[in-house]
Amino acid sequence: MLSEHHDIDHEFPEFHQKLEALSAADTDFAELVKKHDTLDNEIRELEERGQPIADESIEAMKYKRTELKDKIYARLRQA
């Protein structure tokens, strides 16, 4: 869906406190979250503006976003 937020805080509201604590304590984790959210913003901007981009490119970006989300989720569950 266009303009839908997929940032980590929206995706996992039940982990909000863990997300903040882990981001503050672990710079590698914070960087994962930052990469995910930056990529999410790029995807949303492309979709909202209707920027010309190959389907393969936008799908690759979405796949990468999903990979990052899976890594973040795994870390949140471990914490």
PDB file of N, CA and C in Angstrom:
ATOM      1  N   MET A   1       0.849  -1.171   0.000  1.00  0.00           N
ATOM      2  CA  MET A   1       0.000   0.000   0.000  1.00  0.00           C
ATOM      3  C   MET A   1       0.892   1.229   0.000  1.00  0.00           C
ATOM      4  N   LEU A   2       0.543   2.214  -0.808  1.00  0.00           N
ATOM      5  CA  LEU A   2       1.326   3.424  -0.901  1.00  0.00           C
ATOM      6  C   LEU A   2       1.273   4.220   0.391  1.00  0.00           C
ATOM      7  N   SER A   3       2.393   4.833   0.705  1.00  0.00           N
ATOM      8  CA  SER A   3       2.535   5.718   1.861  1.00  0.00           C
ATOM      9  C   SER A   3       2.355   5.020   3.200  1.00  0.00           C
ATOM     10  N   GLU A   4       2.362   3.743   3.228  1.00  0.00           N
ATOM     11  CA  GLU A   4       2.229   3.012   4.485  1.00  0.00           C
ATOM     12  C   GLU A   4       3.579   2.994   5.205  1.00  0.00           C
ATOM     13  N   HIS A   5       3.543   3.299   6.491  1.00  0.00           N
ATOM     14  CA  HIS A   5       4.774   3.305   7.274  1.00  0.00           C
ATOM     15  C   HIS A   5       5.180   1.875   7.608  1.00  0.00           C
ATOM     16  N   HIS A   6       6.437   1.586   7.350  1.00  0.00           N
ATOM     17  CA  HIS A   6       6.992   0.284   7.701  1.00  0.00           C
ATOM     18  C   HIS A   6       8.191   0.441   8.624  1.00  0.00           C
ATOM     19  N   ASP A   7       8.350   1.639   9.227  1.00  0.00           N
ATOM     20  CA  ASP A   7       9.484   1.798  10.130  1.00  0.00           C
ATOM     21  C   ASP A   7       9.313   0.834  11.305  1.00  0.00           C
ATOM     22  N   ILE A   8      10.416   0.521  11.939  1.00  0.00           N
ATOM     23  CA  ILE A   8      10.433  -0.531  12.957  1.00  0.00           C
ATOM     24  C   ILE A   8       9.480  -0.239  14.112  1.00  0.00           C
ATOM     25  N   ASP A   9       9.396   0.990  14.538  1.00  0.00           N
ATOM     26  CA  ASP A   9       8.503   1.311  15.652  1.00  0.00           C
ATOM     27  C   ASP A   9       7.039   1.058  15.283  1.00  0.00           C
ATOM     28  N   HIS A  10       6.666   1.295  14.030  1.00  0.00           N
ATOM     29  CA  HIS A  10       5.300   1.000  13.581  1.00  0.00           C
ATOM     30  C   HIS A  10       5.084  -0.506  13.384  1.00  0.00           C
ATOM     31  N   GLU A  11       6.121  -1.174  12.939  1.00  0.00           N
ATOM     32  CA  GLU A  11       6.014  -2.614  12.682  1.00  0.00           C
ATOM     33  C   GLU A  11       5.903  -3.433  13.964  1.00  0.00           C
ATOM     34  N   PHE A  12       6.624  -3.014  15.000  1.00  0.00           N
ATOM     35  CA  PHE A  12       6.662  -3.773  16.244  1.00  0.00           C
ATOM     36  C   PHE A  12       6.356  -2.883  17.448  1.00  0.00           C
ATOM     37  N   PRO A  13       5.146  -2.356  17.540  1.00  0.00           N
ATOM     38  CA  PRO A  13       4.842  -1.453  18.660  1.00  0.00           C
ATOM     39  C   PRO A  13       4.950  -2.153  20.021  1.00  0.00           C
ATOM     40  N   GLU A  14       4.764  -3.462  20.047  1.00  0.00           N
ATOM     41  CA  GLU A  14       4.853  -4.208  21.301  1.00  0.00           C
ATOM     42  C   GLU A  14       6.284  -4.278  21.830  1.00  0.00           C
ATOM     43  N   PHE A  15       7.258  -3.954  20.975  1.00  0.00           N
ATOM     44  CA  PHE A  15       8.665  -3.978  21.365  1.00  0.00           C
ATOM     45  C   PHE A  15       9.243  -2.572  21.529  1.00  0.00           C
ATOM     46  N   HIS A  16       8.392  -1.575  21.665  1.00  0.00           N
ATOM     47  CA  HIS A  16       8.860  -0.184  21.701  1.00  0.00           C
ATOM     48  C   HIS A  16       9.945   0.033  22.761  1.00  0.00           C
ATOM     49  N   GLN A  17       9.701  -0.418  23.977  1.00  0.00           N
ATOM     50  CA  GLN A  17      10.683  -0.207  25.052  1.00  0.00           C
ATOM     51  C   GLN A  17      11.976  -0.973  24.790  1.00  0.00           C
ATOM     52  N   LYS A  18      11.859  -2.213  24.338  1.00  0.00           N
ATOM     53  CA  LYS A  18      13.053  -2.993  24.019  1.00  0.00           C
ATOM     54  C   LYS A  18      13.823  -2.349  22.877  1.00  0.00           C
ATOM     55  N   LEU A  19      13.103  -1.835  21.902  1.00  0.00           N
ATOM     56  CA  LEU A  19      13.722  -1.183  20.753  1.00  0.00           C
ATOM     57  C   LEU A  19      14.553   0.013  21.202  1.00  0.00           C
ATOM     58  N   GLU A  20      13.990   0.846  22.044  1.00  0.00           N
ATOM     59  CA  GLU A  20      14.716   2.015  22.528  1.00  0.00           C
ATOM     60  C   GLU A  20      15.922   1.612  23.383  1.00  0.00           C
ATOM     61  N   ALA A  21      15.729   0.660  24.267  1.00  0.00           N
ATOM     62  CA  ALA A  21      16.816   0.234  25.155  1.00  0.00           C
ATOM     63  C   ALA A  21      17.949  -0.412  24.364  1.00  0.00           C
ATOM     64  N   LEU A  22      17.602  -1.301  23.450  1.00  0.00           N
ATOM     65  CA  LEU A  22      18.623  -1.991  22.670  1.00  0.00           C
ATOM     66  C   LEU A  22      19.348  -1.030  21.735  1.00  0.00           C
ATOM     67  N   SER A  23      18.624  -0.091  21.159  1.00  0.00           N
ATOM     68  CA  SER A  23      19.253   0.906  20.288  1.00  0.00           C
ATOM     69  C   SER A  23      20.243   1.769  21.062  1.00  0.00           C
ATOM     70  N   ALA A  24      19.902   2.101  22.291  1.00  0.00           N
ATOM     71  CA  ALA A  24      20.778   2.925  23.120  1.00  0.00           C
ATOM     72  C   ALA A  24      22.016   2.157  23.574  1.00  0.00           C
ATOM     73  N   ALA A  25      21.862   0.852  23.793  1.00  0.00           N
ATOM     74  CA  ALA A  25      22.949   0.053  24.342  1.00  0.00           C
ATOM     75  C   ALA A  25      23.845  -0.592  23.281  1.00  0.00           C
ATOM     76  N   ASP A  26      23.348  -0.753  22.076  1.00  0.00           N
ATOM     77  CA  ASP A  26      24.065  -1.515  21.051  1.00  0.00           C
ATOM     78  C   ASP A  26      24.108  -0.705  19.747  1.00  0.00           C
ATOM     79  N   THR A  27      25.285  -0.173  19.433  1.00  0.00           N
ATOM     80  CA  THR A  27      25.399   0.669  18.235  1.00  0.00           C
ATOM     81  C   THR A  27      25.180  -0.121  16.944  1.00  0.00           C
ATOM     82  N   ASP A  28      25.545  -1.395  16.923  1.00  0.00           N
ATOM     83  CA  ASP A  28      25.300  -2.213  15.729  1.00  0.00           C
ATOM     84  C   ASP A  28      23.799  -2.386  15.491  1.00  0.00           C
ATOM     85  N   PHE A  29      23.069  -2.632  16.567  1.00  0.00           N
ATOM     86  CA  PHE A  29      21.624  -2.762  16.453  1.00  0.00           C
ATOM     87  C   PHE A  29      21.007  -1.433  16.007  1.00  0.00           C
ATOM     88  N   ALA A  30      21.445  -0.349  16.601  1.00  0.00           N
ATOM     89  CA  ALA A  30      20.933   0.979  16.229  1.00  0.00           C
ATOM     90  C   ALA A  30      21.190   1.260  14.752  1.00  0.00           C
ATOM     91  N   GLU A  31      22.325   0.830  14.249  1.00  0.00           N
ATOM     92  CA  GLU A  31      22.648   1.024  12.833  1.00  0.00           C
ATOM     93  C   GLU A  31      21.729   0.185  11.940  1.00  0.00           C
ATOM     94  N   LEU A  32      21.405  -1.031  12.363  1.00  0.00           N
ATOM     95  CA  LEU A  32      20.452  -1.861  11.615  1.00  0.00           C
ATOM     96  C   LEU A  32      19.099  -1.162  11.506  1.00  0.00           C
ATOM     97  N   VAL A  33      18.637  -0.629  12.625  1.00  0.00           N
ATOM     98  CA  VAL A  33      17.347   0.071  12.649  1.00  0.00           C
ATOM     99  C   VAL A  33      17.408   1.296  11.746  1.00  0.00           C
ATOM    100  N   LYS A  34      18.497   2.026  11.825  1.00  0.00           N
ATOM    101  CA  LYS A  34      18.650   3.233  10.992  1.00  0.00           C
ATOM    102  C   LYS A  34      18.637   2.868   9.505  1.00  0.00           C
ATOM    103  N   LYS A  35      19.367   1.817   9.127  1.00  0.00           N
ATOM    104  CA  LYS A  35      19.385   1.378   7.727  1.00  0.00           C
ATOM    105  C   LYS A  35      17.980   1.001   7.262  1.00  0.00           C
ATOM    106  N   HIS A  36      17.272   0.252   8.106  1.00  0.00           N
ATOM    107  CA  HIS A  36      15.917  -0.169   7.762  1.00  0.00           C
ATOM    108  C   HIS A  36      15.015   1.037   7.556  1.00  0.00           C
ATOM    109  N   ASP A  37      15.014   1.946   8.514  1.00  0.00           N
ATOM    110  CA  ASP A  37      14.111   3.080   8.456  1.00  0.00           C
ATOM    111  C   ASP A  37      14.461   4.038   7.315  1.00  0.00           C
ATOM    112  N   THR A  38      15.748   4.197   7.021  1.00  0.00           N
ATOM    113  CA  THR A  38      16.167   5.026   5.888  1.00  0.00           C
ATOM    114  C   THR A  38      15.687   4.413   4.576  1.00  0.00           C
ATOM    115  N   LEU A  39      15.858   3.109   4.448  1.00  0.00           N
ATOM    116  CA  LEU A  39      15.400   2.413   3.242  1.00  0.00           C
ATOM    117  C   LEU A  39      13.885   2.499   3.118  1.00  0.00           C
ATOM    118  N   ASP A  40      13.177   2.354   4.218  1.00  0.00           N
ATOM    119  CA  ASP A  40      11.727   2.474   4.208  1.00  0.00           C
ATOM    120  C   ASP A  40      11.310   3.864   3.716  1.00  0.00           C
ATOM    121  N   ASN A  41      11.989   4.894   4.197  1.00  0.00           N
ATOM    122  CA  ASN A  41      11.669   6.255   3.755  1.00  0.00           C
ATOM    123  C   ASN A  41      11.932   6.439   2.263  1.00  0.00           C
ATOM    124  N   GLU A  42      13.020   5.873   1.761  1.00  0.00           N
ATOM    125  CA  GLU A  42      13.337   5.956   0.340  1.00  0.00           C
ATOM    126  C   GLU A  42      12.247   5.282  -0.497  1.00  0.00           C
ATOM    127  N   ILE A  43      11.817   4.111  -0.069  1.00  0.00           N
ATOM    128  CA  ILE A  43      10.776   3.370  -0.791  1.00  0.00           C
ATOM    129  C   ILE A  43       9.475   4.160  -0.805  1.00  0.00           C
ATOM    130  N   ARG A  44       9.080   4.682   0.366  1.00  0.00           N
ATOM    131  CA  ARG A  44       7.839   5.453   0.436  1.00  0.00           C
ATOM    132  C   ARG A  44       7.896   6.694  -0.435  1.00  0.00           C
ATOM    133  N   GLU A  45       9.041   7.367  -0.442  1.00  0.00           N
ATOM    134  CA  GLU A  45       9.181   8.569  -1.258  1.00  0.00           C
ATOM    135  C   GLU A  45       9.055   8.238  -2.744  1.00  0.00           C
ATOM    136  N   LEU A  46       9.693   7.162  -3.167  1.00  0.00           N
ATOM    137  CA  LEU A  46       9.585   6.739  -4.567  1.00  0.00           C
ATOM    138  C   LEU A  46       8.138   6.415  -4.929  1.00  0.00           C
ATOM    139  N   GLU A  47       7.443   5.717  -4.047  1.00  0.00           N
ATOM    140  CA  GLU A  47       6.056   5.336  -4.309  1.00  0.00           C
ATOM    141  C   GLU A  47       5.140   6.557  -4.336  1.00  0.00           C
ATOM    142  N   GLU A  48       5.329   7.459  -3.383  1.00  0.00           N
ATOM    143  CA  GLU A  48       4.461   8.630  -3.296  1.00  0.00           C
ATOM    144  C   GLU A  48       4.645   9.569  -4.478  1.00  0.00           C
ATOM    145  N   ARG A  49       5.860   9.735  -4.911  1.00  0.00           N
ATOM    146  CA  ARG A  49       6.144  10.661  -6.009  1.00  0.00           C
ATOM    147  C   ARG A  49       5.983  10.023  -7.373  1.00  0.00           C
ATOM    148  N   GLY A  50       5.828   8.726  -7.393  1.00  0.00           N
ATOM    149  CA  GLY A  50       5.711   8.036  -8.672  1.00  0.00           C
ATOM    150  C   GLY A  50       6.986   8.146  -9.496  1.00  0.00           C
ATOM    151  N   GLN A  51       8.123   8.152  -8.806  1.00  0.00           N
ATOM    152  CA  GLN A  51       9.415   8.264  -9.488  1.00  0.00           C
ATOM    153  C   GLN A  51       9.611   7.073 -10.417  1.00  0.00           C
ATOM    154  N   PRO A  52      10.138   7.338 -11.586  1.00  0.00           N
ATOM    155  CA  PRO A  52      10.409   6.214 -12.494  1.00  0.00           C
ATOM    156  C   PRO A  52      11.552   5.349 -11.943  1.00  0.00           C
ATOM    157  N   ILE A  53      11.226   4.104 -11.688  1.00  0.00           N
ATOM    158  CA  ILE A  53      12.207   3.141 -11.204  1.00  0.00           C
ATOM    159  C   ILE A  53      11.763   1.769 -11.697  1.00  0.00           C
ATOM    160  N   ALA A  54      12.708   0.977 -12.072  1.00  0.00           N
ATOM    161  CA  ALA A  54      12.393  -0.360 -12.575  1.00  0.00           C
ATOM    162  C   ALA A  54      11.748  -1.194 -11.474  1.00  0.00           C
ATOM    163  N   ASP A  55      10.778  -2.012 -11.860  1.00  0.00           N
ATOM    164  CA  ASP A  55      10.117  -2.888 -10.893  1.00  0.00           C
ATOM    165  C   ASP A  55      11.125  -3.740 -10.136  1.00  0.00           C
ATOM    166  N   GLU A  56      12.139  -4.223 -10.835  1.00  0.00           N
ATOM    167  CA  GLU A  56      13.147  -5.063 -10.207  1.00  0.00           C
ATOM    168  C   GLU A  56      13.897  -4.292  -9.121  1.00  0.00           C
ATOM    169  N   SER A  57      14.134  -3.022  -9.359  1.00  0.00           N
ATOM    170  CA  SER A  57      14.869  -2.203  -8.392  1.00  0.00           C
ATOM    171  C   SER A  57      14.055  -1.970  -7.127  1.00  0.00           C
ATOM    172  N   ILE A  58      12.791  -1.612  -7.278  1.00  0.00           N
ATOM    173  CA  ILE A  58      11.951  -1.359  -6.104  1.00  0.00           C
ATOM    174  C   ILE A  58      11.719  -2.660  -5.337  1.00  0.00           C
ATOM    175  N   GLU A  59      11.581  -3.752  -6.047  1.00  0.00           N
ATOM    176  CA  GLU A  59      11.403  -5.049  -5.382  1.00  0.00           C
ATOM    177  C   GLU A  59      12.669  -5.446  -4.634  1.00  0.00           C
ATOM    178  N   ALA A  60      13.833  -5.145  -5.189  1.00  0.00           N
ATOM    179  CA  ALA A  60      15.093  -5.440  -4.502  1.00  0.00           C
ATOM    180  C   ALA A  60      15.195  -4.607  -3.220  1.00  0.00           C
ATOM    181  N   MET A  61      14.765  -3.358  -3.287  1.00  0.00           N
ATOM    182  CA  MET A  61      14.779  -2.504  -2.100  1.00  0.00           C
ATOM    183  C   MET A  61      13.841  -3.053  -1.032  1.00  0.00           C
ATOM    184  N   LYS A  62      12.667  -3.486  -1.441  1.00  0.00           N
ATOM    185  CA  LYS A  62      11.698  -4.043  -0.489  1.00  0.00           C
ATOM    186  C   LYS A  62      12.215  -5.345   0.115  1.00  0.00           C
ATOM    187  N   TYR A  63      12.897  -6.157  -0.689  1.00  0.00           N
ATOM    188  CA  TYR A  63      13.470  -7.405  -0.187  1.00  0.00           C
ATOM    189  C   TYR A  63      14.527  -7.105   0.868  1.00  0.00           C
ATOM    190  N   LYS A  64      15.381  -6.115   0.607  1.00  0.00           N
ATOM    191  CA  LYS A  64      16.419  -5.734   1.559  1.00  0.00           C
ATOM    192  C   LYS A  64      15.784  -5.219   2.851  1.00  0.00           C
ATOM    193  N   ARG A  65      14.707  -4.431   2.725  1.00  0.00           N
ATOM    194  CA  ARG A  65      14.000  -3.928   3.905  1.00  0.00           C
ATOM    195  C   ARG A  65      13.482  -5.094   4.742  1.00  0.00           C
ATOM    196  N   THR A  66      12.952  -6.105   4.092  1.00  0.00           N
ATOM    197  CA  THR A  66      12.440  -7.280   4.797  1.00  0.00           C
ATOM    198  C   THR A  66      13.564  -8.043   5.498  1.00  0.00           C
ATOM    199  N   GLU A  67      14.702  -8.171   4.839  1.00  0.00           N
ATOM    200  CA  GLU A  67      15.849  -8.834   5.467  1.00  0.00           C
ATOM    201  C   GLU A  67      16.266  -8.098   6.743  1.00  0.00           C
ATOM    202  N   LEU A  68      16.350  -6.786   6.666  1.00  0.00           N
ATOM    203  CA  LEU A  68      16.726  -5.988   7.828  1.00  0.00           C
ATOM    204  C   LEU A  68      15.689  -6.135   8.941  1.00  0.00           C
ATOM    205  N   LYS A  69      14.425  -6.104   8.564  1.00  0.00           N
ATOM    206  CA  LYS A  69      13.347  -6.249   9.545  1.00  0.00           C
ATOM    207  C   LYS A  69      13.432  -7.594  10.249  1.00  0.00           C
ATOM    208  N   ASP A  70      13.718  -8.650   9.508  1.00  0.00           N
ATOM    209  CA  ASP A  70      13.845  -9.978  10.104  1.00  0.00           C
ATOM    210  C   ASP A  70      15.002 -10.041  11.100  1.00  0.00           C
ATOM    211  N   LYS A  71      16.132  -9.426  10.757  1.00  0.00           N
ATOM    212  CA  LYS A  71      17.279  -9.401  11.664  1.00  0.00           C
ATOM    213  C   LYS A  71      16.939  -8.627  12.939  1.00  0.00           C
ATOM    214  N   ILE A  72      16.276  -7.495  12.775  1.00  0.00           N
ATOM    215  CA  ILE A  72      15.899  -6.671  13.924  1.00  0.00           C
ATOM    216  C   ILE A  72      14.917  -7.421  14.810  1.00  0.00           C
ATOM    217  N   TYR A  73      13.938  -8.063  14.211  1.00  0.00           N
ATOM    218  CA  TYR A  73      12.943  -8.816  14.980  1.00  0.00           C
ATOM    219  C   TYR A  73      13.611  -9.929  15.791  1.00  0.00           C
ATOM    220  N   ALA A  74      14.529 -10.624  15.167  1.00  0.00           N
ATOM    221  CA  ALA A  74      15.238 -11.703  15.867  1.00  0.00           C
ATOM    222  C   ALA A  74      15.985 -11.161  17.082  1.00  0.00           C
ATOM    223  N   ARG A  75      16.646 -10.020  16.903  1.00  0.00           N
ATOM    224  CA  ARG A  75      17.378  -9.415  18.023  1.00  0.00           C
ATOM    225  C   ARG A  75      16.438  -8.951  19.123  1.00  0.00           C
ATOM    226  N   LEU A  76      15.291  -8.381  18.747  1.00  0.00           N
ATOM    227  CA  LEU A  76      14.320  -7.932  19.745  1.00  0.00           C
ATOM    228  C   LEU A  76      13.778  -9.106  20.553  1.00  0.00           C
ATOM    229  N   ARG A  77      13.541 -10.225  19.902  1.00  0.00           N
ATOM    230  CA  ARG A  77      13.032 -11.397  20.595  1.00  0.00           C
ATOM    231  C   ARG A  77      14.066 -11.994  21.550  1.00  0.00           C
ATOM    232  N   GLN A  78      15.342 -11.871  21.200  1.00  0.00           N
ATOM    233  CA  GLN A  78      16.416 -12.389  22.051  1.00  0.00           C
ATOM    234  C   GLN A  78      16.613 -11.530  23.291  1.00  0.00           C
ATOM    235  N   ALA A  79      16.331 -10.240  23.170  1.00  0.00           N
ATOM    236  CA  ALA A  79      16.606  -9.298  24.265  1.00  0.00           C
ATOM    237  C   ALA A  79      15.693  -9.543  25.455  1.00  0.00           C
TER     238      ALA A  79
END
